[in-house]
Amino acid sequence: MLTIAALSALSLGVTACGQLNERLDEIRPTEIRNTGYSDRCADYMRLSYPGATIDVTIQHVDVANTENGGLGLLIVDVQGVRPDIAATGGFLAHDVAARCRFQNGILTEFRWTKGPGR
């Protein structure tokens, strides 16, 4: 038999989980999406520039396999444009690009190769 304290703790846990799920729904899309390496790099590019709208235009992956044939090193280049920024003039870049390095499926390096400032 559950005691009143156990019921209280259970109800608090359920309430906290509900609030967490509501918050996660705000920050993630509801549809399942492809999480390939180029998509992950594009996501990192967007997340590293909060508040910016970046439309990804080009994604390119270079793969270096290990001796055993497994994925060892992946270099991913992504390019995009900021539609809300003018193509010429100003401090912020209209065209942006980034490079991600994945070692055995783990992001080990992210760097801007073009932008976000001019």
PDB file of N, CA and C in Angstrom:
ATOM      1  N   MET A   1       0.827  -1.182   0.000  1.00  0.00           N
ATOM      2  CA  MET A   1       0.000   0.000   0.000  1.00  0.00           C
ATOM      3  C   MET A   1       0.878   1.256   0.000  1.00  0.00           C
ATOM      4  N   LEU A   2       0.505   2.176  -0.812  1.00  0.00           N
ATOM      5  CA  LEU A   2       1.289   3.402  -0.915  1.00  0.00           C
ATOM      6  C   LEU A   2       0.914   4.366   0.200  1.00  0.00           C
ATOM      7  N   THR A   3       1.913   4.986   0.716  1.00  0.00           N
ATOM      8  CA  THR A   3       1.666   5.984   1.754  1.00  0.00           C
ATOM      9  C   THR A   3       1.401   7.330   1.101  1.00  0.00           C
ATOM     10  N   ILE A   4       0.968   8.268   1.892  1.00  0.00           N
ATOM     11  CA  ILE A   4       0.695   9.619   1.391  1.00  0.00           C
ATOM     12  C   ILE A   4       1.977  10.266   0.886  1.00  0.00           C
ATOM     13  N   ALA A   5       3.091  10.056   1.560  1.00  0.00           N
ATOM     14  CA  ALA A   5       4.368  10.630   1.123  1.00  0.00           C
ATOM     15  C   ALA A   5       4.781  10.061  -0.234  1.00  0.00           C
ATOM     16  N   ALA A   6       4.589   8.755  -0.416  1.00  0.00           N
ATOM     17  CA  ALA A   6       4.955   8.134  -1.686  1.00  0.00           C
ATOM     18  C   ALA A   6       4.067   8.649  -2.813  1.00  0.00           C
ATOM     19  N   LEU A   7       2.777   8.816  -2.549  1.00  0.00           N
ATOM     20  CA  LEU A   7       1.871   9.356  -3.558  1.00  0.00           C
ATOM     21  C   LEU A   7       2.230  10.788  -3.910  1.00  0.00           C
ATOM     22  N   SER A   8       2.622  11.573  -2.914  1.00  0.00           N
ATOM     23  CA  SER A   8       3.025  12.959  -3.162  1.00  0.00           C
ATOM     24  C   SER A   8       4.272  13.010  -4.048  1.00  0.00           C
ATOM     25  N   ALA A   9       5.247  12.169  -3.730  1.00  0.00           N
ATOM     26  CA  ALA A   9       6.477  12.140  -4.523  1.00  0.00           C
ATOM     27  C   ALA A   9       6.191  11.691  -5.953  1.00  0.00           C
ATOM     28  N   LEU A  10       5.317  10.715  -6.107  1.00  0.00           N
ATOM     29  CA  LEU A  10       4.959  10.224  -7.432  1.00  0.00           C
ATOM     30  C   LEU A  10       4.257  11.304  -8.252  1.00  0.00           C
ATOM     31  N   SER A  11       3.350  12.039  -7.630  1.00  0.00           N
ATOM     32  CA  SER A  11       2.636  13.088  -8.350  1.00  0.00           C
ATOM     33  C   SER A  11       3.577  14.232  -8.739  1.00  0.00           C
ATOM     34  N   LEU A  12       4.547  14.563  -7.881  1.00  0.00           N
ATOM     35  CA  LEU A  12       5.527  15.595  -8.224  1.00  0.00           C
ATOM     36  C   LEU A  12       6.396  15.152  -9.396  1.00  0.00           C
ATOM     37  N   GLY A  13       6.776  13.884  -9.409  1.00  0.00           N
ATOM     38  CA  GLY A  13       7.582  13.361 -10.503  1.00  0.00           C
ATOM     39  C   GLY A  13       6.833  13.398 -11.822  1.00  0.00           C
ATOM     40  N   VAL A  14       5.568  13.024 -11.812  1.00  0.00           N
ATOM     41  CA  VAL A  14       4.754  13.045 -13.026  1.00  0.00           C
ATOM     42  C   VAL A  14       4.584  14.474 -13.525  1.00  0.00           C
ATOM     43  N   THR A  15       4.361  15.412 -12.614  1.00  0.00           N
ATOM     44  CA  THR A  15       4.218  16.819 -12.985  1.00  0.00           C
ATOM     45  C   THR A  15       5.508  17.351 -13.605  1.00  0.00           C
ATOM     46  N   ALA A  16       6.653  17.016 -13.009  1.00  0.00           N
ATOM     47  CA  ALA A  16       7.938  17.482 -13.533  1.00  0.00           C
ATOM     48  C   ALA A  16       8.194  16.903 -14.914  1.00  0.00           C
ATOM     49  N   CYS A  17       7.869  15.636 -15.129  1.00  0.00           N
ATOM     50  CA  CYS A  17       8.065  15.021 -16.444  1.00  0.00           C
ATOM     51  C   CYS A  17       7.175  15.693 -17.492  1.00  0.00           C
ATOM     52  N   GLY A  18       5.959  16.025 -17.121  1.00  0.00           N
ATOM     53  CA  GLY A  18       5.062  16.706 -18.048  1.00  0.00           C
ATOM     54  C   GLY A  18       5.590  18.070 -18.436  1.00  0.00           C
ATOM     55  N   GLN A  19       6.114  18.819 -17.470  1.00  0.00           N
ATOM     56  CA  GLN A  19       6.672  20.130 -17.766  1.00  0.00           C
ATOM     57  C   GLN A  19       7.916  20.025 -18.634  1.00  0.00           C
ATOM     58  N   LEU A  20       8.745  19.006 -18.391  1.00  0.00           N
ATOM     59  CA  LEU A  20       9.935  18.801 -19.205  1.00  0.00           C
ATOM     60  C   LEU A  20       9.555  18.471 -20.644  1.00  0.00           C
ATOM     61  N   ASN A  21       8.569  17.614 -20.839  1.00  0.00           N
ATOM     62  CA  ASN A  21       8.142  17.277 -22.193  1.00  0.00           C
ATOM     63  C   ASN A  21       7.576  18.483 -22.921  1.00  0.00           C
ATOM     64  N   GLU A  22       6.837  19.351 -22.225  1.00  0.00           N
ATOM     65  CA  GLU A  22       6.329  20.566 -22.852  1.00  0.00           C
ATOM     66  C   GLU A  22       7.478  21.457 -23.309  1.00  0.00           C
ATOM     67  N   ARG A  23       8.522  21.578 -22.494  1.00  0.00           N
ATOM     68  CA  ARG A  23       9.679  22.410 -22.847  1.00  0.00           C
ATOM     69  C   ARG A  23      10.439  21.802 -24.033  1.00  0.00           C
ATOM     70  N   LEU A  24      10.602  20.484 -24.036  1.00  0.00           N
ATOM     71  CA  LEU A  24      11.296  19.847 -25.144  1.00  0.00           C
ATOM     72  C   LEU A  24      10.529  20.009 -26.444  1.00  0.00           C
ATOM     73  N   ASP A  25       9.200  19.993 -26.397  1.00  0.00           N
ATOM     74  CA  ASP A  25       8.401  20.190 -27.604  1.00  0.00           C
ATOM     75  C   ASP A  25       8.609  21.579 -28.191  1.00  0.00           C
ATOM     76  N   GLU A  26       8.941  22.551 -27.341  1.00  0.00           N
ATOM     77  CA  GLU A  26       9.182  23.908 -27.826  1.00  0.00           C
ATOM     78  C   GLU A  26      10.503  24.010 -28.585  1.00  0.00           C
ATOM     79  N   ILE A  27      11.512  23.233 -28.177  1.00  0.00           N
ATOM     80  CA  ILE A  27      12.838  23.410 -28.760  1.00  0.00           C
ATOM     81  C   ILE A  27      13.204  22.355 -29.794  1.00  0.00           C
ATOM     82  N   ARG A  28      12.418  21.325 -29.966  1.00  0.00           N
ATOM     83  CA  ARG A  28      12.725  20.314 -30.978  1.00  0.00           C
ATOM     84  C   ARG A  28      11.534  20.120 -31.895  1.00  0.00           C
ATOM     85  N   PRO A  29      11.790  19.757 -33.123  1.00  0.00           N
ATOM     86  CA  PRO A  29      10.671  19.499 -34.033  1.00  0.00           C
ATOM     87  C   PRO A  29       9.942  18.224 -33.624  1.00  0.00           C
ATOM     88  N   THR A  30       8.669  18.155 -33.970  1.00  0.00           N
ATOM     89  CA  THR A  30       7.877  16.995 -33.581  1.00  0.00           C
ATOM     90  C   THR A  30       8.055  15.835 -34.542  1.00  0.00           C
ATOM     91  N   GLU A  31       8.532  16.097 -35.760  1.00  0.00           N
ATOM     92  CA  GLU A  31       8.725  15.012 -36.706  1.00  0.00           C
ATOM     93  C   GLU A  31      10.103  14.388 -36.525  1.00  0.00           C
ATOM     94  N   ILE A  32      10.217  13.130 -36.897  1.00  0.00           N
ATOM     95  CA  ILE A  32      11.503  12.454 -36.839  1.00  0.00           C
ATOM     96  C   ILE A  32      12.290  12.877 -38.070  1.00  0.00           C
ATOM     97  N   ARG A  33      13.546  13.257 -37.860  1.00  0.00           N
ATOM     98  CA  ARG A  33      14.336  13.725 -38.987  1.00  0.00           C
ATOM     99  C   ARG A  33      15.613  12.924 -39.125  1.00  0.00           C
ATOM    100  N   ASN A  34      16.173  13.006 -40.297  1.00  0.00           N
ATOM    101  CA  ASN A  34      17.420  12.323 -40.584  1.00  0.00           C
ATOM    102  C   ASN A  34      18.529  12.967 -39.761  1.00  0.00           C
ATOM    103  N   THR A  35      19.304  12.167 -39.082  1.00  0.00           N
ATOM    104  CA  THR A  35      20.389  12.708 -38.280  1.00  0.00           C
ATOM    105  C   THR A  35      21.727  12.256 -38.837  1.00  0.00           C
ATOM    106  N   GLY A  36      21.903  12.408 -40.149  1.00  0.00           N
ATOM    107  CA  GLY A  36      23.186  12.109 -40.770  1.00  0.00           C
ATOM    108  C   GLY A  36      24.218  13.145 -40.345  1.00  0.00           C
ATOM    109  N   TYR A  37      25.459  12.875 -40.703  1.00  0.00           N
ATOM    110  CA  TYR A  37      26.540  13.758 -40.274  1.00  0.00           C
ATOM    111  C   TYR A  37      26.416  15.156 -40.862  1.00  0.00           C
ATOM    112  N   SER A  38      25.988  15.274 -42.102  1.00  0.00           N
ATOM    113  CA  SER A  38      25.834  16.612 -42.675  1.00  0.00           C
ATOM    114  C   SER A  38      24.701  17.366 -41.999  1.00  0.00           C
ATOM    115  N   ASP A  39      23.616  16.672 -41.650  1.00  0.00           N
ATOM    116  CA  ASP A  39      22.529  17.323 -40.921  1.00  0.00           C
ATOM    117  C   ASP A  39      22.974  17.734 -39.518  1.00  0.00           C
ATOM    118  N   ARG A  40      23.767  16.888 -38.880  1.00  0.00           N
ATOM    119  CA  ARG A  40      24.275  17.235 -37.555  1.00  0.00           C
ATOM    120  C   ARG A  40      25.171  18.463 -37.609  1.00  0.00           C
ATOM    121  N   CYS A  41      26.030  18.537 -38.630  1.00  0.00           N
ATOM    122  CA  CYS A  41      26.908  19.699 -38.767  1.00  0.00           C
ATOM    123  C   CYS A  41      26.089  20.960 -39.032  1.00  0.00           C
ATOM    124  N   ALA A  42      25.059  20.846 -39.869  1.00  0.00           N
ATOM    125  CA  ALA A  42      24.185  21.993 -40.126  1.00  0.00           C
ATOM    126  C   ALA A  42      23.477  22.429 -38.839  1.00  0.00           C
ATOM    127  N   ASP A  43      23.067  21.463 -38.026  1.00  0.00           N
ATOM    128  CA  ASP A  43      22.440  21.800 -36.743  1.00  0.00           C
ATOM    129  C   ASP A  43      23.415  22.511 -35.820  1.00  0.00           C
ATOM    130  N   TYR A  44      24.669  22.047 -35.776  1.00  0.00           N
ATOM    131  CA  TYR A  44      25.672  22.723 -34.947  1.00  0.00           C
ATOM    132  C   TYR A  44      25.913  24.146 -35.442  1.00  0.00           C
ATOM    133  N   MET A  45      25.906  24.327 -36.745  1.00  0.00           N
ATOM    134  CA  MET A  45      26.104  25.668 -37.298  1.00  0.00           C
ATOM    135  C   MET A  45      24.967  26.585 -36.848  1.00  0.00           C
ATOM    136  N   ARG A  46      23.744  26.096 -36.923  1.00  0.00           N
ATOM    137  CA  ARG A  46      22.599  26.912 -36.495  1.00  0.00           C
ATOM    138  C   ARG A  46      22.633  27.165 -34.993  1.00  0.00           C
ATOM    139  N   LEU A  47      22.981  26.147 -34.204  1.00  0.00           N
ATOM    140  CA  LEU A  47      23.002  26.298 -32.752  1.00  0.00           C
ATOM    141  C   LEU A  47      24.132  27.208 -32.279  1.00  0.00           C
ATOM    142  N   SER A  48      25.232  27.268 -33.041  1.00  0.00           N
ATOM    143  CA  SER A  48      26.342  28.118 -32.619  1.00  0.00           C
ATOM    144  C   SER A  48      26.114  29.582 -32.956  1.00  0.00           C
ATOM    145  N   TYR A  49      25.046  29.880 -33.678  1.00  0.00           N
ATOM    146  CA  TYR A  49      24.707  31.256 -34.026  1.00  0.00           C
ATOM    147  C   TYR A  49      23.251  31.487 -33.633  1.00  0.00           C
ATOM    148  N   PRO A  50      22.969  31.545 -32.340  1.00  0.00           N
ATOM    149  CA  PRO A  50      21.578  31.647 -31.885  1.00  0.00           C
ATOM    150  C   PRO A  50      20.892  32.911 -32.382  1.00  0.00           C
ATOM    151  N   GLY A  51      19.653  32.782 -32.733  1.00  0.00           N
ATOM    152  CA  GLY A  51      18.868  33.907 -33.202  1.00  0.00           C
ATOM    153  C   GLY A  51      18.990  34.156 -34.692  1.00  0.00           C
ATOM    154  N   ALA A  52      19.908  33.468 -35.353  1.00  0.00           N
ATOM    155  CA  ALA A  52      20.107  33.659 -36.789  1.00  0.00           C
ATOM    156  C   ALA A  52      19.286  32.642 -37.566  1.00  0.00           C
ATOM    157  N   THR A  53      18.772  33.063 -38.686  1.00  0.00           N
ATOM    158  CA  THR A  53      18.098  32.156 -39.613  1.00  0.00           C
ATOM    159  C   THR A  53      19.098  31.789 -40.693  1.00  0.00           C
ATOM    160  N   ILE A  54      19.434  30.504 -40.784  1.00  0.00           N
ATOM    161  CA  ILE A  54      20.405  30.047 -41.771  1.00  0.00           C
ATOM    162  C   ILE A  54      19.741  28.973 -42.625  1.00  0.00           C
ATOM    163  N   ASP A  55      19.687  29.227 -43.919  1.00  0.00           N
ATOM    164  CA  ASP A  55      19.181  28.245 -44.874  1.00  0.00           C
ATOM    165  C   ASP A  55      20.382  27.513 -45.463  1.00  0.00           C
ATOM    166  N   VAL A  56      20.494  26.225 -45.174  1.00  0.00           N
ATOM    167  CA  VAL A  56      21.629  25.432 -45.647  1.00  0.00           C
ATOM    168  C   VAL A  56      21.450  25.150 -47.135  1.00  0.00           C
ATOM    169  N   THR A  57      22.506  25.440 -47.906  1.00  0.00           N
ATOM    170  CA  THR A  57      22.440  25.275 -49.355  1.00  0.00           C
ATOM    171  C   THR A  57      23.290  24.125 -49.855  1.00  0.00           C
ATOM    172  N   ILE A  58      24.441  23.878 -49.236  1.00  0.00           N
ATOM    173  CA  ILE A  58      25.355  22.824 -49.688  1.00  0.00           C
ATOM    174  C   ILE A  58      25.844  22.033 -48.486  1.00  0.00           C
ATOM    175  N   GLN A  59      25.851  20.715 -48.635  1.00  0.00           N
ATOM    176  CA  GLN A  59      26.406  19.825 -47.621  1.00  0.00           C
ATOM    177  C   GLN A  59      27.322  18.830 -48.327  1.00  0.00           C
ATOM    178  N   HIS A  60      28.543  18.674 -47.814  1.00  0.00           N
ATOM    179  CA  HIS A  60      29.512  17.775 -48.439  1.00  0.00           C
ATOM    180  C   HIS A  60      30.233  16.976 -47.351  1.00  0.00           C
ATOM    181  N   VAL A  61      30.374  15.667 -47.567  1.00  0.00           N
ATOM    182  CA  VAL A  61      31.025  14.791 -46.592  1.00  0.00           C
ATOM    183  C   VAL A  61      32.207  14.097 -47.249  1.00  0.00           C
ATOM    184  N   ASP A  62      33.388  14.176 -46.620  1.00  0.00           N
ATOM    185  CA  ASP A  62      34.571  13.402 -47.014  1.00  0.00           C
ATOM    186  C   ASP A  62      34.792  12.337 -45.956  1.00  0.00           C
ATOM    187  N   VAL A  63      34.956  11.093 -46.393  1.00  0.00           N
ATOM    188  CA  VAL A  63      35.079   9.965 -45.470  1.00  0.00           C
ATOM    189  C   VAL A  63      36.452   9.344 -45.598  1.00  0.00           C
ATOM    190  N   ALA A  64      37.088   9.081 -44.464  1.00  0.00           N
ATOM    191  CA  ALA A  64      38.338   8.338 -44.418  1.00  0.00           C
ATOM    192  C   ALA A  64      38.086   7.096 -43.565  1.00  0.00           C
ATOM    193  N   ASN A  65      38.115   5.939 -44.184  1.00  0.00           N
ATOM    194  CA  ASN A  65      37.849   4.691 -43.473  1.00  0.00           C
ATOM    195  C   ASN A  65      39.072   4.224 -42.695  1.00  0.00           C
ATOM    196  N   THR A  66      38.820   3.428 -41.666  1.00  0.00           N
ATOM    197  CA  THR A  66      39.910   2.829 -40.893  1.00  0.00           C
ATOM    198  C   THR A  66      40.433   1.611 -41.631  1.00  0.00           C
ATOM    199  N   GLU A  67      41.502   1.005 -41.120  1.00  0.00           N
ATOM    200  CA  GLU A  67      42.066  -0.194 -41.740  1.00  0.00           C
ATOM    201  C   GLU A  67      41.053  -1.334 -41.763  1.00  0.00           C
ATOM    202  N   ASN A  68      40.163  -1.376 -40.786  1.00  0.00           N
ATOM    203  CA  ASN A  68      39.166  -2.440 -40.691  1.00  0.00           C
ATOM    204  C   ASN A  68      37.921  -2.146 -41.511  1.00  0.00           C
ATOM    205  N   GLY A  69      37.884  -1.030 -42.217  1.00  0.00           N
ATOM    206  CA  GLY A  69      36.738  -0.695 -43.057  1.00  0.00           C
ATOM    207  C   GLY A  69      35.659   0.093 -42.351  1.00  0.00           C
ATOM    208  N   GLY A  70      35.869   0.443 -41.085  1.00  0.00           N
ATOM    209  CA  GLY A  70      34.872   1.225 -40.355  1.00  0.00           C
ATOM    210  C   GLY A  70      35.038   2.711 -40.603  1.00  0.00           C
ATOM    211  N   LEU A  71      34.049   3.454 -40.188  1.00  0.00           N
ATOM    212  CA  LEU A  71      34.135   4.907 -40.312  1.00  0.00           C
ATOM    213  C   LEU A  71      35.129   5.419 -39.290  1.00  0.00           C
ATOM    214  N   GLY A  72      36.156   6.071 -39.750  1.00  0.00           N
ATOM    215  CA  GLY A  72      37.141   6.613 -38.834  1.00  0.00           C
ATOM    216  C   GLY A  72      37.013   8.114 -38.712  1.00  0.00           C
ATOM    217  N   LEU A  73      37.216   8.801 -39.823  1.00  0.00           N
ATOM    218  CA  LEU A  73      37.239  10.260 -39.823  1.00  0.00           C
ATOM    219  C   LEU A  73      36.295  10.762 -40.899  1.00  0.00           C
ATOM    220  N   LEU A  74      35.424  11.668 -40.522  1.00  0.00           N
ATOM    221  CA  LEU A  74      34.525  12.302 -41.478  1.00  0.00           C
ATOM    222  C   LEU A  74      34.709  13.803 -41.368  1.00  0.00           C
ATOM    223  N   ILE A  75      34.939  14.445 -42.502  1.00  0.00           N
ATOM    224  CA  ILE A  75      35.021  15.900 -42.572  1.00  0.00           C
ATOM    225  C   ILE A  75      33.773  16.363 -43.318  1.00  0.00           C
ATOM    226  N   VAL A  76      32.982  17.182 -42.659  1.00  0.00           N
ATOM    227  CA  VAL A  76      31.714  17.643 -43.224  1.00  0.00           C
ATOM    228  C   VAL A  76      31.793  19.152 -43.415  1.00  0.00           C
ATOM    229  N   ASP A  77      31.511  19.597 -44.631  1.00  0.00           N
ATOM    230  CA  ASP A  77      31.442  21.024 -44.935  1.00  0.00           C
ATOM    231  C   ASP A  77      29.996  21.375 -45.248  1.00  0.00           C
ATOM    232  N   VAL A  78      29.495  22.419 -44.593  1.00  0.00           N
ATOM    233  CA  VAL A  78      28.144  22.905 -44.874  1.00  0.00           C
ATOM    234  C   VAL A  78      28.230  24.392 -45.189  1.00  0.00           C
ATOM    235  N   GLN A  79      27.389  24.822 -46.125  1.00  0.00           N
ATOM    236  CA  GLN A  79      27.305  26.230 -46.489  1.00  0.00           C
ATOM    237  C   GLN A  79      25.851  26.657 -46.426  1.00  0.00           C
ATOM    238  N   GLY A  80      25.648  27.913 -46.120  1.00  0.00           N
ATOM    239  CA  GLY A  80      24.291  28.421 -46.044  1.00  0.00           C
ATOM    240  C   GLY A  80      24.252  29.913 -46.275  1.00  0.00           C
ATOM    241  N   VAL A  81      23.040  30.418 -46.333  1.00  0.00           N
ATOM    242  CA  VAL A  81      22.825  31.851 -46.491  1.00  0.00           C
ATOM    243  C   VAL A  81      21.902  32.334 -45.389  1.00  0.00           C
ATOM    244  N   ARG A  82      22.069  33.596 -45.057  1.00  0.00           N
ATOM    245  CA  ARG A  82      21.182  34.248 -44.103  1.00  0.00           C
ATOM    246  C   ARG A  82      20.253  35.150 -44.893  1.00  0.00           C
ATOM    247  N   PRO A  83      18.998  34.736 -45.098  1.00  0.00           N
ATOM    248  CA  PRO A  83      18.092  35.515 -45.939  1.00  0.00           C
ATOM    249  C   PRO A  83      17.725  36.878 -45.350  1.00  0.00           C
ATOM    250  N   ASP A  84      17.909  37.050 -44.046  1.00  0.00           N
ATOM    251  CA  ASP A  84      17.545  38.309 -43.408  1.00  0.00           C
ATOM    252  C   ASP A  84      18.680  39.336 -43.432  1.00  0.00           C
ATOM    253  N   ILE A  85      19.837  38.975 -43.995  1.00  0.00           N
ATOM    254  CA  ILE A  85      20.988  39.873 -44.063  1.00  0.00           C
ATOM    255  C   ILE A  85      21.258  40.226 -45.529  1.00  0.00           C
ATOM    256  N   ALA A  86      21.531  41.486 -45.793  1.00  0.00           N
ATOM    257  CA  ALA A  86      21.828  41.923 -47.166  1.00  0.00           C
ATOM    258  C   ALA A  86      23.119  41.279 -47.654  1.00  0.00           C
ATOM    259  N   ALA A  87      23.176  41.018 -48.952  1.00  0.00           N
ATOM    260  CA  ALA A  87      24.342  40.337 -49.527  1.00  0.00           C
ATOM    261  C   ALA A  87      25.596  41.203 -49.502  1.00  0.00           C
ATOM    262  N   THR A  88      25.441  42.519 -49.477  1.00  0.00           N
ATOM    263  CA  THR A  88      26.604  43.400 -49.454  1.00  0.00           C
ATOM    264  C   THR A  88      26.501  44.363 -48.282  1.00  0.00           C
ATOM    265  N   GLY A  89      27.672  44.738 -47.775  1.00  0.00           N
ATOM    266  CA  GLY A  89      27.724  45.733 -46.714  1.00  0.00           C
ATOM    267  C   GLY A  89      27.355  45.176 -45.356  1.00  0.00           C
ATOM    268  N   GLY A  90      27.668  45.954 -44.338  1.00  0.00           N
ATOM    269  CA  GLY A  90      27.314  45.581 -42.976  1.00  0.00           C
ATOM    270  C   GLY A  90      28.357  44.693 -42.316  1.00  0.00           C
ATOM    271  N   PHE A  91      28.152  44.458 -41.035  1.00  0.00           N
ATOM    272  CA  PHE A  91      29.089  43.663 -40.245  1.00  0.00           C
ATOM    273  C   PHE A  91      28.823  42.169 -40.360  1.00  0.00           C
ATOM    274  N   LEU A  92      27.561  41.783 -40.473  1.00  0.00           N
ATOM    275  CA  LEU A  92      27.202  40.367 -40.503  1.00  0.00           C
ATOM    276  C   LEU A  92      27.284  39.812 -41.921  1.00  0.00           C
ATOM    277  N   ALA A  93      27.747  38.581 -42.029  1.00  0.00           N
ATOM    278  CA  ALA A  93      27.905  37.940 -43.335  1.00  0.00           C
ATOM    279  C   ALA A  93      26.587  37.346 -43.817  1.00  0.00           C
ATOM    280  N   HIS A  94      26.337  37.486 -45.106  1.00  0.00           N
ATOM    281  CA  HIS A  94      25.165  36.888 -45.740  1.00  0.00           C
ATOM    282  C   HIS A  94      25.411  35.405 -46.012  1.00  0.00           C
ATOM    283  N   ASP A  95      26.601  35.083 -46.511  1.00  0.00           N
ATOM    284  CA  ASP A  95      26.993  33.702 -46.788  1.00  0.00           C
ATOM    285  C   ASP A  95      27.812  33.180 -45.618  1.00  0.00           C
ATOM    286  N   VAL A  96      27.449  32.016 -45.121  1.00  0.00           N
ATOM    287  CA  VAL A  96      28.164  31.407 -44.003  1.00  0.00           C
ATOM    288  C   VAL A  96      28.517  29.968 -44.372  1.00  0.00           C
ATOM    289  N   ALA A  97      29.563  29.464 -43.717  1.00  0.00           N
ATOM    290  CA  ALA A  97      29.979  28.081 -43.934  1.00  0.00           C
ATOM    291  C   ALA A  97      30.695  27.589 -42.679  1.00  0.00           C
ATOM    292  N   ALA A  98      30.636  26.285 -42.472  1.00  0.00           N
ATOM    293  CA  ALA A  98      31.288  25.685 -41.313  1.00  0.00           C
ATOM    294  C   ALA A  98      31.836  24.319 -41.698  1.00  0.00           C
ATOM    295  N   ARG A  99      32.803  23.869 -40.905  1.00  0.00           N
ATOM    296  CA  ARG A  99      33.392  22.536 -41.091  1.00  0.00           C
ATOM    297  C   ARG A  99      33.306  21.795 -39.763  1.00  0.00           C
ATOM    298  N   CYS A 100      32.861  20.554 -39.844  1.00  0.00           N
ATOM    299  CA  CYS A 100      32.795  19.680 -38.674  1.00  0.00           C
ATOM    300  C   CYS A 100      33.690  18.479 -38.911  1.00  0.00           C
ATOM    301  N   ARG A 101      34.321  18.042 -37.871  1.00  0.00           N
ATOM    302  CA  ARG A 101      35.167  16.846 -37.929  1.00  0.00           C
ATOM    303  C   ARG A 101      34.591  15.833 -36.954  1.00  0.00           C
ATOM    304  N   PHE A 102      34.246  14.664 -37.464  1.00  0.00           N
ATOM    305  CA  PHE A 102      33.710  13.582 -36.645  1.00  0.00           C
ATOM    306  C   PHE A 102      34.735  12.461 -36.616  1.00  0.00           C
ATOM    307  N   GLN A 103      35.141  12.065 -35.434  1.00  0.00           N
ATOM    308  CA  GLN A 103      36.069  10.949 -35.262  1.00  0.00           C
ATOM    309  C   GLN A 103      35.290   9.805 -34.626  1.00  0.00           C
ATOM    310  N   ASN A 104      35.146   8.707 -35.350  1.00  0.00           N
ATOM    311  CA  ASN A 104      34.372   7.548 -34.891  1.00  0.00           C
ATOM    312  C   ASN A 104      32.956   7.951 -34.486  1.00  0.00           C
ATOM    313  N   GLY A 105      32.363   8.854 -35.236  1.00  0.00           N
ATOM    314  CA  GLY A 105      30.988   9.261 -35.006  1.00  0.00           C
ATOM    315  C   GLY A 105      30.801  10.338 -33.952  1.00  0.00           C
ATOM    316  N   ILE A 106      31.884  10.842 -33.376  1.00  0.00           N
ATOM    317  CA  ILE A 106      31.807  11.851 -32.318  1.00  0.00           C
ATOM    318  C   ILE A 106      32.364  13.166 -32.856  1.00  0.00           C
ATOM    319  N   LEU A 107      31.624  14.250 -32.652  1.00  0.00           N
ATOM    320  CA  LEU A 107      32.090  15.560 -33.089  1.00  0.00           C
ATOM    321  C   LEU A 107      33.323  15.948 -32.282  1.00  0.00           C
ATOM    322  N   THR A 108      34.445  16.142 -32.967  1.00  0.00           N
ATOM    323  CA  THR A 108      35.678  16.525 -32.288  1.00  0.00           C
ATOM    324  C   THR A 108      36.121  17.938 -32.631  1.00  0.00           C
ATOM    325  N   GLU A 109      35.544  18.520 -33.703  1.00  0.00           N
ATOM    326  CA  GLU A 109      35.924  19.880 -34.081  1.00  0.00           C
ATOM    327  C   GLU A 109      34.784  20.544 -34.838  1.00  0.00           C
ATOM    328  N   PHE A 110      34.537  21.781 -34.508  1.00  0.00           N
ATOM    329  CA  PHE A 110      33.607  22.622 -35.262  1.00  0.00           C
ATOM    330  C   PHE A 110      34.291  23.960 -35.447  1.00  0.00           C
ATOM    331  N   ARG A 111      34.268  24.464 -36.673  1.00  0.00           N
ATOM    332  CA  ARG A 111      34.819  25.803 -36.891  1.00  0.00           C
ATOM    333  C   ARG A 111      34.117  26.465 -38.070  1.00  0.00           C
ATOM    334  N   TRP A 112      34.015  27.776 -37.955  1.00  0.00           N
ATOM    335  CA  TRP A 112      33.463  28.574 -39.031  1.00  0.00           C
ATOM    336  C   TRP A 112      34.509  28.697 -40.115  1.00  0.00           C
ATOM    337  N   THR A 113      34.154  28.473 -41.351  1.00  0.00           N
ATOM    338  CA  THR A 113      35.074  28.683 -42.463  1.00  0.00           C
ATOM    339  C   THR A 113      34.715  29.937 -43.247  1.00  0.00           C
ATOM    340  N   LYS A 114      33.501  30.423 -43.044  1.00  0.00           N
ATOM    341  CA  LYS A 114      33.062  31.674 -43.674  1.00  0.00           C
ATOM    342  C   LYS A 114      31.989  32.271 -42.777  1.00  0.00           C
ATOM    343  N   GLY A 115      32.193  33.531 -42.374  1.00  0.00           N
ATOM    344  CA  GLY A 115      31.235  34.181 -41.495  1.00  0.00           C
ATOM    345  C   GLY A 115      31.490  33.778 -40.055  1.00  0.00           C
ATOM    346  N   PRO A 116      30.628  34.081 -39.133  1.00  0.00           N
ATOM    347  CA  PRO A 116      29.370  34.788 -39.263  1.00  0.00           C
ATOM    348  C   PRO A 116      29.526  36.300 -39.399  1.00  0.00           C
ATOM    349  N   GLY A 117      30.713  36.827 -39.050  1.00  0.00           N
ATOM    350  CA  GLY A 117      30.972  38.249 -39.284  1.00  0.00           C
ATOM    351  C   GLY A 117      31.797  38.415 -40.541  1.00  0.00           C
ATOM    352  N   ARG A 118      31.841  39.601 -41.068  1.00  0.00           N
ATOM    353  CA  ARG A 118      32.638  39.846 -42.294  1.00  0.00           C
ATOM    354  C   ARG A 118      34.084  40.015 -41.952  1.00  0.00           C
TER     355      ARG A 118
END
